[in-house]
Amino acid sequence: MTYTRRCVQMLYEDHQAVMALASEIDGLLGRTGRDGPDMGDDATHQLVSRAVEAIEHEVTDHFAFEEKSMFPLLREEGEDEICDHLDEDHRVILPLGKSAAAIARKGLQEGFDHDSWQKFVHDAGEFIERILAHAEKEDMAMLPLLEDILDAETDMQLAEEYASA
């Protein structure tokens, strides 16, 4: 999908990137035994590292930007219900992601044991399920609304703000 508003396109591209990474992590969860992956494997190590980075920075920053800059614009247009729903998603998804990232960060340093891997599988699995549904909701509901309400000047300002976050 291509949007005319740069800020909206940036949000959409971030959704696509997080969905792709979530799919890769989901694949790792599905093909790894009960005691966790071999963290000595470079590809696995890099994938887990990218997931930690994405959760701790990209997802966290993305949510903060939406809450600070997008939701107020939507609320001005009377879109309180969608903002409330998406904000609630953020409050559930982010703690799950941070828990999974903390477990993964320790796994990167020390490897996973049975218990830490099982906790990671649970938290990461739920995070993936929820972030995929959330991104789809935003793509279907929020982004088209923003595309309609943003003027060129506000769009440029927000795109610059988002790029520097």
Protein backbone atom coordinates (compact mmCIF):
# COMPACT_ATOMS: atom_id res chain seq x y z
CA MET A 1 0.00 0.00 0.00
CA THR A 2 1.17 3.50 -0.72
CA TYR A 3 -0.03 6.60 1.06
CA THR A 4 0.30 10.17 -0.14
CA ARG A 5 1.09 11.51 3.31
CA ARG A 6 4.71 10.81 4.25
CA CYS A 7 4.06 10.35 7.97
CA VAL A 8 1.28 7.85 7.26
CA GLN A 9 3.54 5.98 4.85
CA MET A 10 6.30 5.85 7.47
CA LEU A 11 3.92 4.37 10.04
CA TYR A 12 2.71 1.84 7.48
CA GLU A 13 6.28 0.84 6.59
CA ASP A 14 7.07 0.36 10.27
CA HIS A 15 4.02 -1.89 10.57
CA GLN A 16 5.25 -3.97 7.66
CA ALA A 17 8.73 -4.26 9.17
CA VAL A 18 7.46 -5.33 12.59
CA MET A 19 5.07 -7.83 11.00
CA ALA A 20 7.94 -9.37 9.01
CA LEU A 21 10.15 -9.60 12.11
CA ALA A 22 7.27 -11.05 14.15
CA SER A 23 6.84 -13.70 11.47
CA GLU A 24 10.53 -14.60 11.67
CA ILE A 25 10.39 -14.86 15.47
CA ASP A 26 7.20 -16.92 15.24
CA GLY A 27 9.07 -19.27 12.91
CA LEU A 28 11.87 -19.58 15.45
CA LEU A 29 9.36 -20.37 18.20
CA GLY A 30 7.75 -23.04 16.03
CA ARG A 31 10.94 -24.84 14.99
CA THR A 32 12.83 -24.75 18.29
CA GLY A 33 12.66 -27.49 20.88
CA ARG A 34 11.49 -27.16 24.43
CA ASP A 35 14.87 -25.99 25.78
CA GLY A 36 15.48 -23.15 23.36
CA PRO A 37 17.58 -22.44 20.31
CA ASP A 38 21.31 -22.74 19.88
CA MET A 39 22.38 -19.18 20.62
CA GLY A 40 25.79 -19.97 19.16
CA ASP A 41 24.15 -20.05 15.74
CA ASP A 42 24.83 -16.65 14.12
CA ALA A 43 21.48 -16.42 12.32
CA THR A 44 19.54 -17.20 15.50
CA HIS A 45 21.64 -14.80 17.55
CA GLN A 46 21.09 -12.02 15.01
CA LEU A 47 17.35 -12.67 14.83
CA VAL A 48 16.93 -12.56 18.60
CA SER A 49 19.11 -9.42 18.75
CA ARG A 50 16.97 -7.71 16.10
CA ALA A 51 13.83 -8.64 18.03
CA VAL A 52 15.20 -7.15 21.25
CA GLU A 53 16.22 -3.96 19.44
CA ALA A 54 12.85 -3.68 17.69
CA ILE A 55 10.86 -4.07 20.90
CA GLU A 56 13.06 -1.87 23.07
CA HIS A 57 13.34 0.92 20.53
CA GLU A 58 11.23 0.81 17.37
CA VAL A 59 7.98 -0.48 18.88
CA THR A 60 8.35 1.63 22.02
CA ASP A 61 9.13 4.77 20.01
CA HIS A 62 6.37 4.03 17.49
CA PHE A 63 3.75 3.69 20.22
CA ALA A 64 4.97 6.85 21.98
CA PHE A 65 4.80 8.83 18.73
CA GLU A 66 1.28 7.65 18.01
CA GLU A 67 0.12 8.49 21.52
CA LYS A 68 1.78 11.90 21.55
CA SER A 69 1.18 13.05 17.99
CA MET A 70 -1.40 10.93 16.17
CA PHE A 71 -4.03 10.24 18.78
CA PRO A 72 -4.56 13.94 19.66
CA LEU A 73 -5.15 14.72 15.97
CA LEU A 74 -7.66 11.90 15.71
CA ARG A 75 -9.38 12.96 18.93
CA GLU A 76 -9.80 16.46 17.50
CA GLU A 77 -11.74 14.79 14.69
CA GLY A 78 -13.98 12.96 17.17
CA GLU A 79 -12.23 9.61 16.80
CA ASP A 80 -12.01 8.94 20.55
CA GLU A 81 -13.22 5.36 20.30
CA ILE A 82 -10.46 4.20 17.96
CA CYS A 83 -7.84 6.07 20.00
CA ASP A 84 -9.05 4.51 23.23
CA HIS A 85 -9.00 1.05 21.66
CA LEU A 86 -5.51 1.45 20.19
CA ASP A 87 -4.19 2.99 23.40
CA GLU A 88 -5.50 0.00 25.34
CA ASP A 89 -3.69 -2.27 22.90
CA HIS A 90 -0.48 -0.34 23.55
CA ARG A 91 -0.87 -0.80 27.32
CA VAL A 92 -1.17 -4.57 26.90
CA ILE A 93 1.34 -5.13 24.08
CA LEU A 94 4.27 -3.11 25.37
CA PRO A 95 4.67 -4.90 28.73
CA LEU A 96 4.52 -8.26 26.94
CA GLY A 97 7.15 -7.10 24.50
CA LYS A 98 9.38 -5.71 27.21
CA SER A 99 9.15 -8.96 29.16
CA ALA A 100 10.02 -10.99 26.06
CA ALA A 101 12.88 -8.59 25.26
CA ALA A 102 14.31 -8.84 28.78
CA ILE A 103 14.24 -12.63 28.63
CA ALA A 104 15.77 -12.57 25.14
CA ARG A 105 18.50 -10.14 26.20
CA LYS A 106 19.50 -12.52 28.98
CA GLY A 107 19.30 -15.42 26.52
CA LEU A 108 21.66 -13.57 24.20
CA GLN A 109 24.19 -13.26 26.99
CA GLU A 110 23.79 -16.59 28.78
CA GLY A 111 21.72 -18.77 26.47
CA PHE A 112 18.26 -20.02 27.31
CA ASP A 113 17.44 -22.76 29.76
CA HIS A 114 14.18 -24.70 29.71
CA ASP A 115 12.31 -22.29 32.00
CA SER A 116 13.51 -19.07 30.38
CA TRP A 117 12.77 -20.43 26.91
CA GLN A 118 9.26 -21.47 27.92
CA LYS A 119 8.61 -18.01 29.40
CA PHE A 120 10.00 -16.40 26.23
CA VAL A 121 7.80 -18.63 24.04
CA HIS A 122 4.75 -17.59 26.05
CA ASP A 123 5.45 -13.85 26.18
CA ALA A 124 6.85 -13.56 22.66
CA GLY A 125 3.99 -15.66 21.27
CA GLU A 126 1.38 -13.46 22.88
CA PHE A 127 3.27 -10.32 21.87
CA ILE A 128 3.37 -11.51 18.26
CA GLU A 129 -0.31 -12.37 18.19
CA ARG A 130 -1.29 -9.01 19.63
CA ILE A 131 1.13 -6.84 17.65
CA LEU A 132 0.01 -8.41 14.36
CA ALA A 133 -3.65 -7.79 15.16
CA HIS A 134 -2.83 -4.27 16.35
CA ALA A 135 -0.89 -3.34 13.22
CA GLU A 136 -3.74 -4.64 11.09
CA LYS A 137 -6.24 -2.51 13.04
CA GLU A 138 -4.10 0.56 12.58
CA ASP A 139 -3.64 -0.15 8.88
CA MET A 140 -7.39 -0.57 8.39
CA ALA A 141 -8.70 2.17 10.68
CA MET A 142 -6.16 4.72 11.83
CA LEU A 143 -3.96 5.21 8.77
CA PRO A 144 -6.80 5.96 6.33
CA LEU A 145 -8.21 8.50 8.81
CA LEU A 146 -4.82 10.19 9.14
CA GLU A 147 -4.40 10.20 5.37
CA ASP A 148 -7.66 12.18 5.15
CA ILE A 149 -7.11 14.66 7.97
CA LEU A 150 -3.43 15.58 7.61
CA ASP A 151 -2.58 18.61 5.53
CA ALA A 152 0.76 18.83 3.71
CA GLU A 153 2.41 21.10 6.28
CA THR A 154 1.35 19.05 9.30
CA ASP A 155 2.36 15.87 7.49
CA MET A 156 5.86 17.20 6.80
CA GLN A 157 6.24 18.39 10.38
CA LEU A 158 5.11 15.03 11.80
CA ALA A 159 7.27 13.04 9.37
CA GLU A 160 10.33 15.02 10.50
CA GLU A 161 9.39 14.55 14.15
CA TYR A 162 8.91 10.82 13.67
CA ALA A 163 12.15 10.41 11.72
CA SER A 164 14.11 12.11 14.49
CA ALA A 165 12.50 10.09 17.32
